[in-house]
Amino acid sequence: MTSTPMTLEDALRLSGYTIEAYEAEEVTINTPTGDIVVPPLILSKLTWGREEPPTLGAAFYLDKLPPFDPAYAPVQLSLILDRFRARRLAYETPDEFALAVRRWGALHLGAMSTLTRRYLSTATDLPLDTVNTTTHTTATGATTADGTATGAGSDSVTSTDTTNTTSKGRDAQSEFPQGTLAGNTDYASGAVDRVGTGNVAGSGTTAAEREQTTEDHRDTTEERDETRTEQGRSGRTVMELLEEQRSMFLNVDEELLNAMESLFLGVFDRSTADNTTPRSHAYGWGW
């Protein structure tokens, strides 16, 4: 039969720690996207209760979870202790739980993790102006172009023409009775046809020389200085922008605690108001 896992507070006490409360002063955390001001708070902390120093992992690495900023680590640890101190571990032994916390912290709170980036995003200012643009443009340009083109050339054309000529003629004499020359309308006693062919050939050469010179010169200078400033809300009311801004607010601490739910069982034990009363005498414990 498998025993029920211990609560987080019992496991810490067995390891040598107790959970105590203390007053924390105001802290300002500087980030690349802005400042995060942590007001004075009443936080919970781990206190070592033995003579020898604690070993690495004695607090199940809860005090070593990689925070997005060391100045905020006490707040994160306090939130974890207060949320899960009465919850039973999701692992049978404290050693298995310690390994799970170390693995979870490296995955969810590392430098490239989503939670770390969302912590940084909370420091980004959200202005109510949708348009606030200043444009300053200065442009100076000069263009110079010089061109000279000189060309000389000669053209020579040779041509040869040949003409073929063909001529045809007929001598005809007519006596009665006549002989038929064409059908029944042309008659002659005798006829002689003459055909002549002649060729006419000619050749010629034409030569021409030309020279051309072109010059082009352009010099253009342009200078422009423009400044434009636009401010406003682009037709939207302040209440619309305020409502949209409220929907963008994040509670990354709550996201952190919800992400740690897999490390604990959904079983609650009633915790004592202080650490002086044994847990076995607390109301509701063990029943």
C-alpha atoms as a PDB file:
ATOM      1  CA  MET A   1       0.000   0.000   0.000  1.00  0.00           C
ATOM      2  CA  THR A   2       1.392   3.390  -0.987  1.00  0.00           C
ATOM      3  CA  SER A   3       1.460   6.029   1.735  1.00  0.00           C
ATOM      4  CA  THR A   4      -0.104   9.434   1.195  1.00  0.00           C
ATOM      5  CA  PRO A   5       2.569  12.042   0.308  1.00  0.00           C
ATOM      6  CA  MET A   6       3.402  14.703   2.875  1.00  0.00           C
ATOM      7  CA  THR A   7       2.283  18.288   2.682  1.00  0.00           C
ATOM      8  CA  LEU A   8       4.815  20.866   1.584  1.00  0.00           C
ATOM      9  CA  GLU A   9       5.074  22.350   5.091  1.00  0.00           C
ATOM     10  CA  ASP A  10       5.646  18.944   6.691  1.00  0.00           C
ATOM     11  CA  ALA A  11       8.293  18.074   4.109  1.00  0.00           C
ATOM     12  CA  LEU A  12      10.119  21.371   4.730  1.00  0.00           C
ATOM     13  CA  ARG A  13      10.008  20.883   8.495  1.00  0.00           C
ATOM     14  CA  LEU A  14      11.389  17.360   8.105  1.00  0.00           C
ATOM     15  CA  SER A  15      14.184  18.771   5.969  1.00  0.00           C
ATOM     16  CA  GLY A  16      15.046  21.395   8.654  1.00  0.00           C
ATOM     17  CA  TYR A  17      13.079  24.494   7.569  1.00  0.00           C
ATOM     18  CA  THR A  18      10.186  26.402   9.046  1.00  0.00           C
ATOM     19  CA  ILE A  19       7.994  28.999   7.349  1.00  0.00           C
ATOM     20  CA  GLU A  20       7.972  32.392   9.054  1.00  0.00           C
ATOM     21  CA  ALA A  21       6.530  35.812   8.242  1.00  0.00           C
ATOM     22  CA  TYR A  22       8.447  39.082   7.986  1.00  0.00           C
ATOM     23  CA  GLU A  23       8.012  42.674   6.769  1.00  0.00           C
ATOM     24  CA  ALA A  24       9.603  43.479   3.417  1.00  0.00           C
ATOM     25  CA  GLU A  25      10.498  47.040   2.406  1.00  0.00           C
ATOM     26  CA  GLU A  26       9.581  48.699  -0.868  1.00  0.00           C
ATOM     27  CA  VAL A  27      11.740  47.691  -3.827  1.00  0.00           C
ATOM     28  CA  THR A  28      12.083  49.244  -7.289  1.00  0.00           C
ATOM     29  CA  ILE A  29      13.143  46.876 -10.051  1.00  0.00           C
ATOM     30  CA  ASN A  30      14.659  48.427 -13.187  1.00  0.00           C
ATOM     31  CA  THR A  31      14.032  46.555 -16.438  1.00  0.00           C
ATOM     32  CA  PRO A  32      14.737  47.434 -20.085  1.00  0.00           C
ATOM     33  CA  THR A  33      11.023  48.118 -20.600  1.00  0.00           C
ATOM     34  CA  GLY A  34      10.472  50.251 -17.488  1.00  0.00           C
ATOM     35  CA  ASP A  35      10.392  50.143 -13.691  1.00  0.00           C
ATOM     36  CA  ILE A  36       8.406  47.806 -11.451  1.00  0.00           C
ATOM     37  CA  VAL A  37       7.709  49.136  -7.957  1.00  0.00           C
ATOM     38  CA  VAL A  38       7.088  46.470  -5.308  1.00  0.00           C
ATOM     39  CA  PRO A  39       5.339  48.065  -2.320  1.00  0.00           C
ATOM     40  CA  PRO A  40       6.019  47.066   1.320  1.00  0.00           C
ATOM     41  CA  LEU A  41       4.586  43.591   1.901  1.00  0.00           C
ATOM     42  CA  ILE A  42       4.232  40.939   4.611  1.00  0.00           C
ATOM     43  CA  LEU A  43       6.003  37.959   3.101  1.00  0.00           C
ATOM     44  CA  SER A  44       6.769  34.383   4.109  1.00  0.00           C
ATOM     45  CA  LYS A  45      10.316  33.062   4.194  1.00  0.00           C
ATOM     46  CA  LEU A  46      12.159  29.832   4.917  1.00  0.00           C
ATOM     47  CA  THR A  47      14.143  29.750   8.162  1.00  0.00           C
ATOM     48  CA  TRP A  48      16.788  27.100   8.774  1.00  0.00           C
ATOM     49  CA  GLY A  49      16.427  25.523  12.225  1.00  0.00           C
ATOM     50  CA  ARG A  50      19.482  23.301  12.631  1.00  0.00           C
ATOM     51  CA  GLU A  51      23.082  23.916  13.643  1.00  0.00           C
ATOM     52  CA  GLU A  52      24.745  22.611  10.493  1.00  0.00           C
ATOM     53  CA  PRO A  53      24.219  24.610   7.291  1.00  0.00           C
ATOM     54  CA  PRO A  54      21.588  23.333   4.849  1.00  0.00           C
ATOM     55  CA  THR A  55      22.653  21.276   1.868  1.00  0.00           C
ATOM     56  CA  LEU A  56      21.821  22.170  -1.721  1.00  0.00           C
ATOM     57  CA  GLY A  57      18.254  21.154  -2.372  1.00  0.00           C
ATOM     58  CA  ALA A  58      17.251  20.944   1.287  1.00  0.00           C
ATOM     59  CA  ALA A  59      14.449  23.438   0.536  1.00  0.00           C
ATOM     60  CA  PHE A  60      13.516  21.396  -2.563  1.00  0.00           C
ATOM     61  CA  TYR A  61      15.081  24.162  -4.699  1.00  0.00           C
ATOM     62  CA  LEU A  62      12.115  26.434  -3.989  1.00  0.00           C
ATOM     63  CA  ASP A  63      14.554  29.130  -2.818  1.00  0.00           C
ATOM     64  CA  LYS A  64      16.613  28.643  -6.021  1.00  0.00           C
ATOM     65  CA  LEU A  65      13.877  28.970  -8.601  1.00  0.00           C
ATOM     66  CA  PRO A  66      15.278  31.197 -11.372  1.00  0.00           C
ATOM     67  CA  PRO A  67      13.449  34.513 -10.926  1.00  0.00           C
ATOM     68  CA  PHE A  68      13.153  37.108 -13.659  1.00  0.00           C
ATOM     69  CA  ASP A  69      14.965  39.477 -11.248  1.00  0.00           C
ATOM     70  CA  PRO A  70      16.718  38.630  -7.929  1.00  0.00           C
ATOM     71  CA  ALA A  71      15.006  41.553  -6.209  1.00  0.00           C
ATOM     72  CA  TYR A  72      11.639  39.907  -6.844  1.00  0.00           C
ATOM     73  CA  ALA A  73      12.691  36.405  -5.724  1.00  0.00           C
ATOM     74  CA  PRO A  74      11.434  36.870  -2.105  1.00  0.00           C
ATOM     75  CA  VAL A  75       7.979  37.787  -3.387  1.00  0.00           C
ATOM     76  CA  GLN A  76       7.845  34.760  -5.660  1.00  0.00           C
ATOM     77  CA  LEU A  77       8.976  32.407  -2.886  1.00  0.00           C
ATOM     78  CA  SER A  78       6.440  33.874  -0.451  1.00  0.00           C
ATOM     79  CA  LEU A  79       3.609  33.396  -2.934  1.00  0.00           C
ATOM     80  CA  ILE A  80       4.625  29.769  -3.504  1.00  0.00           C
ATOM     81  CA  LEU A  81       4.886  28.988   0.222  1.00  0.00           C
ATOM     82  CA  ASP A  82       1.563  30.608   1.085  1.00  0.00           C
ATOM     83  CA  ARG A  83      -0.272  28.953  -1.810  1.00  0.00           C
ATOM     84  CA  PHE A  84       1.055  25.400  -1.412  1.00  0.00           C
ATOM     85  CA  ARG A  85       2.158  25.027   2.209  1.00  0.00           C
ATOM     86  CA  ALA A  86      -0.933  22.930   3.073  1.00  0.00           C
ATOM     87  CA  ARG A  87      -0.979  20.990  -0.245  1.00  0.00           C
ATOM     88  CA  ARG A  88       0.258  17.434  -0.475  1.00  0.00           C
ATOM     89  CA  LEU A  89       3.126  16.727  -2.826  1.00  0.00           C
ATOM     90  CA  ALA A  90       2.410  15.024  -6.144  1.00  0.00           C
ATOM     91  CA  TYR A  91       5.363  12.682  -5.548  1.00  0.00           C
ATOM     92  CA  GLU A  92       5.796   9.911  -3.012  1.00  0.00           C
ATOM     93  CA  THR A  93       9.151  11.091  -1.625  1.00  0.00           C
ATOM     94  CA  PRO A  94      10.608  14.560  -0.970  1.00  0.00           C
ATOM     95  CA  ASP A  95      13.601  13.711  -3.179  1.00  0.00           C
ATOM     96  CA  GLU A  96      11.345  13.047  -6.160  1.00  0.00           C
ATOM     97  CA  PHE A  97       9.555  16.311  -5.460  1.00  0.00           C
ATOM     98  CA  ALA A  98      12.855  18.227  -5.270  1.00  0.00           C
ATOM     99  CA  LEU A  99      13.914  16.904  -8.662  1.00  0.00           C
ATOM    100  CA  ALA A 100      10.532  17.848 -10.130  1.00  0.00           C
ATOM    101  CA  VAL A 101      10.813  21.412  -8.774  1.00  0.00           C
ATOM    102  CA  ARG A 102      14.304  21.802 -10.216  1.00  0.00           C
ATOM    103  CA  ARG A 103      13.168  20.518 -13.593  1.00  0.00           C
ATOM    104  CA  TRP A 104      10.053  22.703 -13.555  1.00  0.00           C
ATOM    105  CA  GLY A 105      12.003  25.853 -12.615  1.00  0.00           C
ATOM    106  CA  ALA A 106      14.536  25.435 -15.405  1.00  0.00           C
ATOM    107  CA  LEU A 107      11.717  25.003 -17.920  1.00  0.00           C
ATOM    108  CA  HIS A 108       9.258  27.690 -16.816  1.00  0.00           C
ATOM    109  CA  LEU A 109      11.449  30.409 -15.283  1.00  0.00           C
ATOM    110  CA  GLY A 110      14.552  30.364 -17.465  1.00  0.00           C
ATOM    111  CA  ALA A 111      15.852  33.366 -19.392  1.00  0.00           C
ATOM    112  CA  MET A 112      13.890  32.427 -22.539  1.00  0.00           C
ATOM    113  CA  SER A 113      10.734  31.253 -20.784  1.00  0.00           C
ATOM    114  CA  THR A 114       7.304  32.724 -21.393  1.00  0.00           C
ATOM    115  CA  LEU A 115       6.762  33.619 -17.722  1.00  0.00           C
ATOM    116  CA  THR A 116      10.005  35.611 -17.548  1.00  0.00           C
ATOM    117  CA  ARG A 117       9.097  37.559 -20.668  1.00  0.00           C
ATOM    118  CA  ARG A 118       5.622  38.253 -19.330  1.00  0.00           C
ATOM    119  CA  TYR A 119       7.115  39.605 -16.095  1.00  0.00           C
ATOM    120  CA  LEU A 120       9.165  42.038 -18.192  1.00  0.00           C
ATOM    121  CA  SER A 121       6.104  43.043 -20.192  1.00  0.00           C
ATOM    122  CA  THR A 122       4.349  44.270 -17.050  1.00  0.00           C
ATOM    123  CA  ALA A 123       6.836  47.163 -16.888  1.00  0.00           C
ATOM    124  CA  THR A 124       5.777  48.503 -20.301  1.00  0.00           C
ATOM    125  CA  ASP A 125       3.890  51.800 -20.070  1.00  0.00           C
ATOM    126  CA  LEU A 126       0.515  51.866 -21.786  1.00  0.00           C
ATOM    127  CA  PRO A 127      -0.260  55.450 -22.921  1.00  0.00           C
ATOM    128  CA  LEU A 128      -3.803  56.487 -23.755  1.00  0.00           C
ATOM    129  CA  ASP A 129      -2.777  58.362 -26.901  1.00  0.00           C
ATOM    130  CA  THR A 130      -3.114  56.255 -30.011  1.00  0.00           C
ATOM    131  CA  VAL A 131      -1.148  58.728 -32.154  1.00  0.00           C
ATOM    132  CA  ASN A 132       1.901  60.607 -30.965  1.00  0.00           C
ATOM    133  CA  THR A 133       4.297  60.962 -33.855  1.00  0.00           C
ATOM    134  CA  THR A 134       6.965  63.505 -34.682  1.00  0.00           C
ATOM    135  CA  THR A 135       8.623  63.324 -38.087  1.00  0.00           C
ATOM    136  CA  HIS A 136      11.650  65.392 -39.053  1.00  0.00           C
ATOM    137  CA  THR A 137      13.048  64.956 -42.543  1.00  0.00           C
ATOM    138  CA  THR A 138      15.967  66.770 -44.151  1.00  0.00           C
ATOM    139  CA  ALA A 139      17.119  65.943 -47.658  1.00  0.00           C
ATOM    140  CA  THR A 140      19.885  67.643 -49.677  1.00  0.00           C
ATOM    141  CA  GLY A 141      20.924  66.472 -53.104  1.00  0.00           C
ATOM    142  CA  ALA A 142      23.086  67.683 -55.996  1.00  0.00           C
ATOM    143  CA  THR A 143      23.238  66.186 -59.466  1.00  0.00           C
ATOM    144  CA  THR A 144      25.776  67.169 -62.137  1.00  0.00           C
ATOM    145  CA  ALA A 145      25.995  65.601 -65.565  1.00  0.00           C
ATOM    146  CA  ASP A 146      28.452  66.494 -68.362  1.00  0.00           C
ATOM    147  CA  GLY A 147      28.427  64.769 -71.687  1.00  0.00           C
ATOM    148  CA  THR A 148      30.200  65.259 -75.038  1.00  0.00           C
ATOM    149  CA  ALA A 149      29.652  62.966 -77.961  1.00  0.00           C
ATOM    150  CA  THR A 150      31.615  63.259 -81.254  1.00  0.00           C
ATOM    151  CA  GLY A 151      31.041  60.956 -84.185  1.00  0.00           C
ATOM    152  CA  ALA A 152      32.472  60.708 -87.705  1.00  0.00           C
ATOM    153  CA  GLY A 153      31.617  58.160 -90.344  1.00  0.00           C
ATOM    154  CA  SER A 154      31.248  57.477 -94.051  1.00  0.00           C
ATOM    155  CA  ASP A 155      28.602  55.496 -95.892  1.00  0.00           C
ATOM    156  CA  SER A 156      29.134  53.824 -99.273  1.00  0.00           C
ATOM    157  CA  VAL A 157      26.295  52.156-101.198  1.00  0.00           C
ATOM    158  CA  THR A 158      26.725  50.137-104.414  1.00  0.00           C
ATOM    159  CA  SER A 159      23.666  49.154-106.395  1.00  0.00           C
ATOM    160  CA  THR A 160      23.098  47.160-109.631  1.00  0.00           C
ATOM    161  CA  ASP A 161      19.824  47.237-111.594  1.00  0.00           C
ATOM    162  CA  THR A 162      18.886  44.762-114.337  1.00  0.00           C
ATOM    163  CA  THR A 163      15.744  45.139-116.534  1.00  0.00           C
ATOM    164  CA  ASN A 164      14.387  42.434-118.830  1.00  0.00           C
ATOM    165  CA  THR A 165      12.197  43.647-121.780  1.00  0.00           C
ATOM    166  CA  THR A 166      10.139  41.479-124.110  1.00  0.00           C
ATOM    167  CA  SER A 167       8.262  42.856-127.210  1.00  0.00           C
ATOM    168  CA  LYS A 168       5.927  41.044-129.557  1.00  0.00           C
ATOM    169  CA  GLY A 169       4.461  42.144-132.946  1.00  0.00           C
ATOM    170  CA  ARG A 170       2.601  40.748-135.959  1.00  0.00           C
ATOM    171  CA  ASP A 171       2.498  41.557-139.689  1.00  0.00           C
ATOM    172  CA  ALA A 172      -0.677  40.373-141.468  1.00  0.00           C
ATOM    173  CA  GLN A 173      -1.920  40.542-145.125  1.00  0.00           C
ATOM    174  CA  SER A 174      -5.463  39.800-146.178  1.00  0.00           C
ATOM    175  CA  GLU A 175      -6.883  38.599-149.527  1.00  0.00           C
ATOM    176  CA  PHE A 176     -10.284  37.019-150.234  1.00  0.00           C
ATOM    177  CA  PRO A 177     -10.911  34.341-149.157  1.00  0.00           C
ATOM    178  CA  GLN A 178      -9.203  34.986-145.792  1.00  0.00           C
ATOM    179  CA  GLY A 179      -7.668  32.576-143.279  1.00  0.00           C
ATOM    180  CA  THR A 180      -8.903  32.572-139.658  1.00  0.00           C
ATOM    181  CA  LEU A 181      -6.544  34.263-137.207  1.00  0.00           C
ATOM    182  CA  ALA A 182      -8.654  34.411-134.028  1.00  0.00           C
ATOM    183  CA  GLY A 183     -12.004  32.753-133.801  1.00  0.00           C
ATOM    184  CA  ASN A 184     -14.329  33.920-136.499  1.00  0.00           C
ATOM    185  CA  THR A 185     -13.649  37.640-136.304  1.00  0.00           C
ATOM    186  CA  ASP A 186     -10.094  38.048-137.498  1.00  0.00           C
ATOM    187  CA  TYR A 187      -9.045  36.848-140.986  1.00  0.00           C
ATOM    188  CA  ALA A 188      -5.892  37.227-143.038  1.00  0.00           C
ATOM    189  CA  SER A 189      -4.359  35.670-146.108  1.00  0.00           C
ATOM    190  CA  GLY A 190      -0.968  35.408-144.401  1.00  0.00           C
ATOM    191  CA  ALA A 191       0.670  36.426-141.105  1.00  0.00           C
ATOM    192  CA  VAL A 192       4.199  36.752-139.629  1.00  0.00           C
ATOM    193  CA  ASP A 193       4.831  37.020-135.808  1.00  0.00           C
ATOM    194  CA  ARG A 194       7.880  38.832-134.409  1.00  0.00           C
ATOM    195  CA  VAL A 195       9.129  38.410-130.793  1.00  0.00           C
ATOM    196  CA  GLY A 196      12.061  40.444-129.394  1.00  0.00           C
ATOM    197  CA  THR A 197      13.827  40.257-125.936  1.00  0.00           C
ATOM    198  CA  GLY A 198      16.258  42.842-124.513  1.00  0.00           C
ATOM    199  CA  ASN A 199      18.245  43.288-121.192  1.00  0.00           C
ATOM    200  CA  VAL A 200      19.174  46.647-119.640  1.00  0.00           C
ATOM    201  CA  ALA A 201      21.796  46.587-116.812  1.00  0.00           C
ATOM    202  CA  GLY A 202      23.103  49.469-114.733  1.00  0.00           C
ATOM    203  CA  SER A 203      25.338  49.914-111.625  1.00  0.00           C
ATOM    204  CA  GLY A 204      26.200  52.858-109.415  1.00  0.00           C
ATOM    205  CA  THR A 205      28.083  53.797-106.197  1.00  0.00           C
ATOM    206  CA  THR A 206      27.064  56.545-103.749  1.00  0.00           C
ATOM    207  CA  ALA A 207      29.422  57.722-100.957  1.00  0.00           C
ATOM    208  CA  ALA A 208      28.688  60.171 -98.090  1.00  0.00           C
ATOM    209  CA  GLU A 209      30.626  61.358 -94.998  1.00  0.00           C
ATOM    210  CA  ARG A 210      29.194  62.930 -91.816  1.00  0.00           C
ATOM    211  CA  GLU A 211      30.480  64.287 -88.473  1.00  0.00           C
ATOM    212  CA  GLN A 212      28.337  65.041 -85.350  1.00  0.00           C
ATOM    213  CA  THR A 213      29.193  66.606 -81.972  1.00  0.00           C
ATOM    214  CA  THR A 214      26.752  66.804 -78.950  1.00  0.00           C
ATOM    215  CA  GLU A 215      27.343  68.458 -75.562  1.00  0.00           C
ATOM    216  CA  ASP A 216      25.103  68.091 -72.417  1.00  0.00           C
ATOM    217  CA  HIS A 217      25.562  69.750 -69.020  1.00  0.00           C
ATOM    218  CA  ARG A 218      23.105  69.656 -66.059  1.00  0.00           C
ATOM    219  CA  ASP A 219      23.580  70.880 -62.475  1.00  0.00           C
ATOM    220  CA  THR A 220      20.650  70.396 -60.038  1.00  0.00           C
ATOM    221  CA  THR A 221      20.588  70.995 -56.269  1.00  0.00           C
ATOM    222  CA  GLU A 222      17.562  70.201 -54.024  1.00  0.00           C
ATOM    223  CA  GLU A 223      17.164  70.765 -50.273  1.00  0.00           C
ATOM    224  CA  ARG A 224      14.067  69.880 -48.199  1.00  0.00           C
ATOM    225  CA  ASP A 225      13.359  70.263 -44.478  1.00  0.00           C
ATOM    226  CA  GLU A 226      10.037  68.961 -43.146  1.00  0.00           C
ATOM    227  CA  THR A 227       8.773  68.567 -39.583  1.00  0.00           C
ATOM    228  CA  ARG A 228       5.390  67.036 -38.706  1.00  0.00           C
ATOM    229  CA  THR A 229       3.867  66.339 -35.306  1.00  0.00           C
ATOM    230  CA  GLU A 230       0.615  64.438 -34.755  1.00  0.00           C
ATOM    231  CA  GLN A 231      -1.063  63.824 -31.444  1.00  0.00           C
ATOM    232  CA  GLY A 232      -4.500  62.562 -30.590  1.00  0.00           C
ATOM    233  CA  ARG A 233      -6.710  59.516 -30.292  1.00  0.00           C
ATOM    234  CA  SER A 234      -7.741  59.016 -33.927  1.00  0.00           C
ATOM    235  CA  GLY A 235     -11.424  59.559 -33.179  1.00  0.00           C
ATOM    236  CA  ARG A 236     -11.599  57.198 -30.171  1.00  0.00           C
ATOM    237  CA  THR A 237     -12.789  58.296 -26.752  1.00  0.00           C
ATOM    238  CA  VAL A 238     -10.710  58.111 -23.575  1.00  0.00           C
ATOM    239  CA  MET A 239     -13.148  55.599 -22.064  1.00  0.00           C
ATOM    240  CA  GLU A 240     -12.703  53.230 -25.012  1.00  0.00           C
ATOM    241  CA  LEU A 241      -8.929  53.391 -24.651  1.00  0.00           C
ATOM    242  CA  LEU A 242      -9.163  52.961 -20.876  1.00  0.00           C
ATOM    243  CA  GLU A 243     -11.338  49.868 -21.218  1.00  0.00           C
ATOM    244  CA  GLU A 244      -8.924  48.362 -23.735  1.00  0.00           C
ATOM    245  CA  GLN A 245      -5.990  49.157 -21.475  1.00  0.00           C
ATOM    246  CA  ARG A 246      -7.635  47.413 -18.514  1.00  0.00           C
ATOM    247  CA  SER A 247      -8.053  44.251 -20.576  1.00  0.00           C
ATOM    248  CA  MET A 248      -4.279  44.204 -21.129  1.00  0.00           C
ATOM    249  CA  PHE A 249      -3.309  44.133 -17.435  1.00  0.00           C
ATOM    250  CA  LEU A 250      -1.609  40.895 -16.397  1.00  0.00           C
ATOM    251  CA  ASN A 251      -1.189  39.081 -13.103  1.00  0.00           C
ATOM    252  CA  VAL A 252       1.899  37.059 -13.881  1.00  0.00           C
ATOM    253  CA  ASP A 253       2.215  35.933 -10.245  1.00  0.00           C
ATOM    254  CA  GLU A 254      -1.096  34.122 -10.580  1.00  0.00           C
ATOM    255  CA  GLU A 255       0.064  32.557 -13.826  1.00  0.00           C
ATOM    256  CA  LEU A 256       3.204  31.347 -12.032  1.00  0.00           C
ATOM    257  CA  LEU A 257       1.205  29.690  -9.246  1.00  0.00           C
ATOM    258  CA  ASN A 258      -1.241  28.099 -11.671  1.00  0.00           C
ATOM    259  CA  ALA A 259       1.664  26.669 -13.649  1.00  0.00           C
ATOM    260  CA  MET A 260       2.980  24.967 -10.470  1.00  0.00           C
ATOM    261  CA  GLU A 261      -0.259  23.076  -9.824  1.00  0.00           C
ATOM    262  CA  SER A 262       1.158  19.974 -11.508  1.00  0.00           C
ATOM    263  CA  LEU A 263       3.705  19.647  -8.672  1.00  0.00           C
ATOM    264  CA  PHE A 264       1.011  19.167  -6.011  1.00  0.00           C
ATOM    265  CA  LEU A 265      -2.085  17.043  -5.450  1.00  0.00           C
ATOM    266  CA  GLY A 266      -5.507  18.600  -5.217  1.00  0.00           C
ATOM    267  CA  VAL A 267      -5.666  17.608  -1.534  1.00  0.00           C
ATOM    268  CA  PHE A 268      -5.786  20.316   1.160  1.00  0.00           C
ATOM    269  CA  ASP A 269      -4.989  20.085   4.859  1.00  0.00           C
ATOM    270  CA  ARG A 270      -5.942  22.749   7.367  1.00  0.00           C
ATOM    271  CA  SER A 271      -2.803  24.562   8.491  1.00  0.00           C
ATOM    272  CA  THR A 272      -2.205  26.065  11.928  1.00  0.00           C
ATOM    273  CA  ALA A 273      -2.199  29.818  12.498  1.00  0.00           C
ATOM    274  CA  ASP A 274       1.371  29.685  13.771  1.00  0.00           C
ATOM    275  CA  ASN A 275       4.189  27.182  14.065  1.00  0.00           C
ATOM    276  CA  THR A 276       3.891  26.601  17.814  1.00  0.00           C
ATOM    277  CA  THR A 277       0.930  24.219  17.744  1.00  0.00           C
ATOM    278  CA  PRO A 278       1.707  20.694  16.556  1.00  0.00           C
ATOM    279  CA  ARG A 279      -0.006  19.851  13.307  1.00  0.00           C
ATOM    280  CA  SER A 280      -1.599  16.749  14.818  1.00  0.00           C
ATOM    281  CA  HIS A 281      -3.689  18.970  17.099  1.00  0.00           C
ATOM    282  CA  ALA A 282      -4.827  21.380  14.408  1.00  0.00           C
ATOM    283  CA  TYR A 283      -8.505  21.369  13.660  1.00  0.00           C
ATOM    284  CA  GLY A 284      -9.418  19.073  10.835  1.00  0.00           C
ATOM    285  CA  TRP A 285      -5.928  17.586  10.436  1.00  0.00           C
ATOM    286  CA  GLY A 286      -5.809  13.817  10.220  1.00  0.00           C
ATOM    287  CA  TRP A 287      -9.563  13.333  10.288  1.00  0.00           C
END
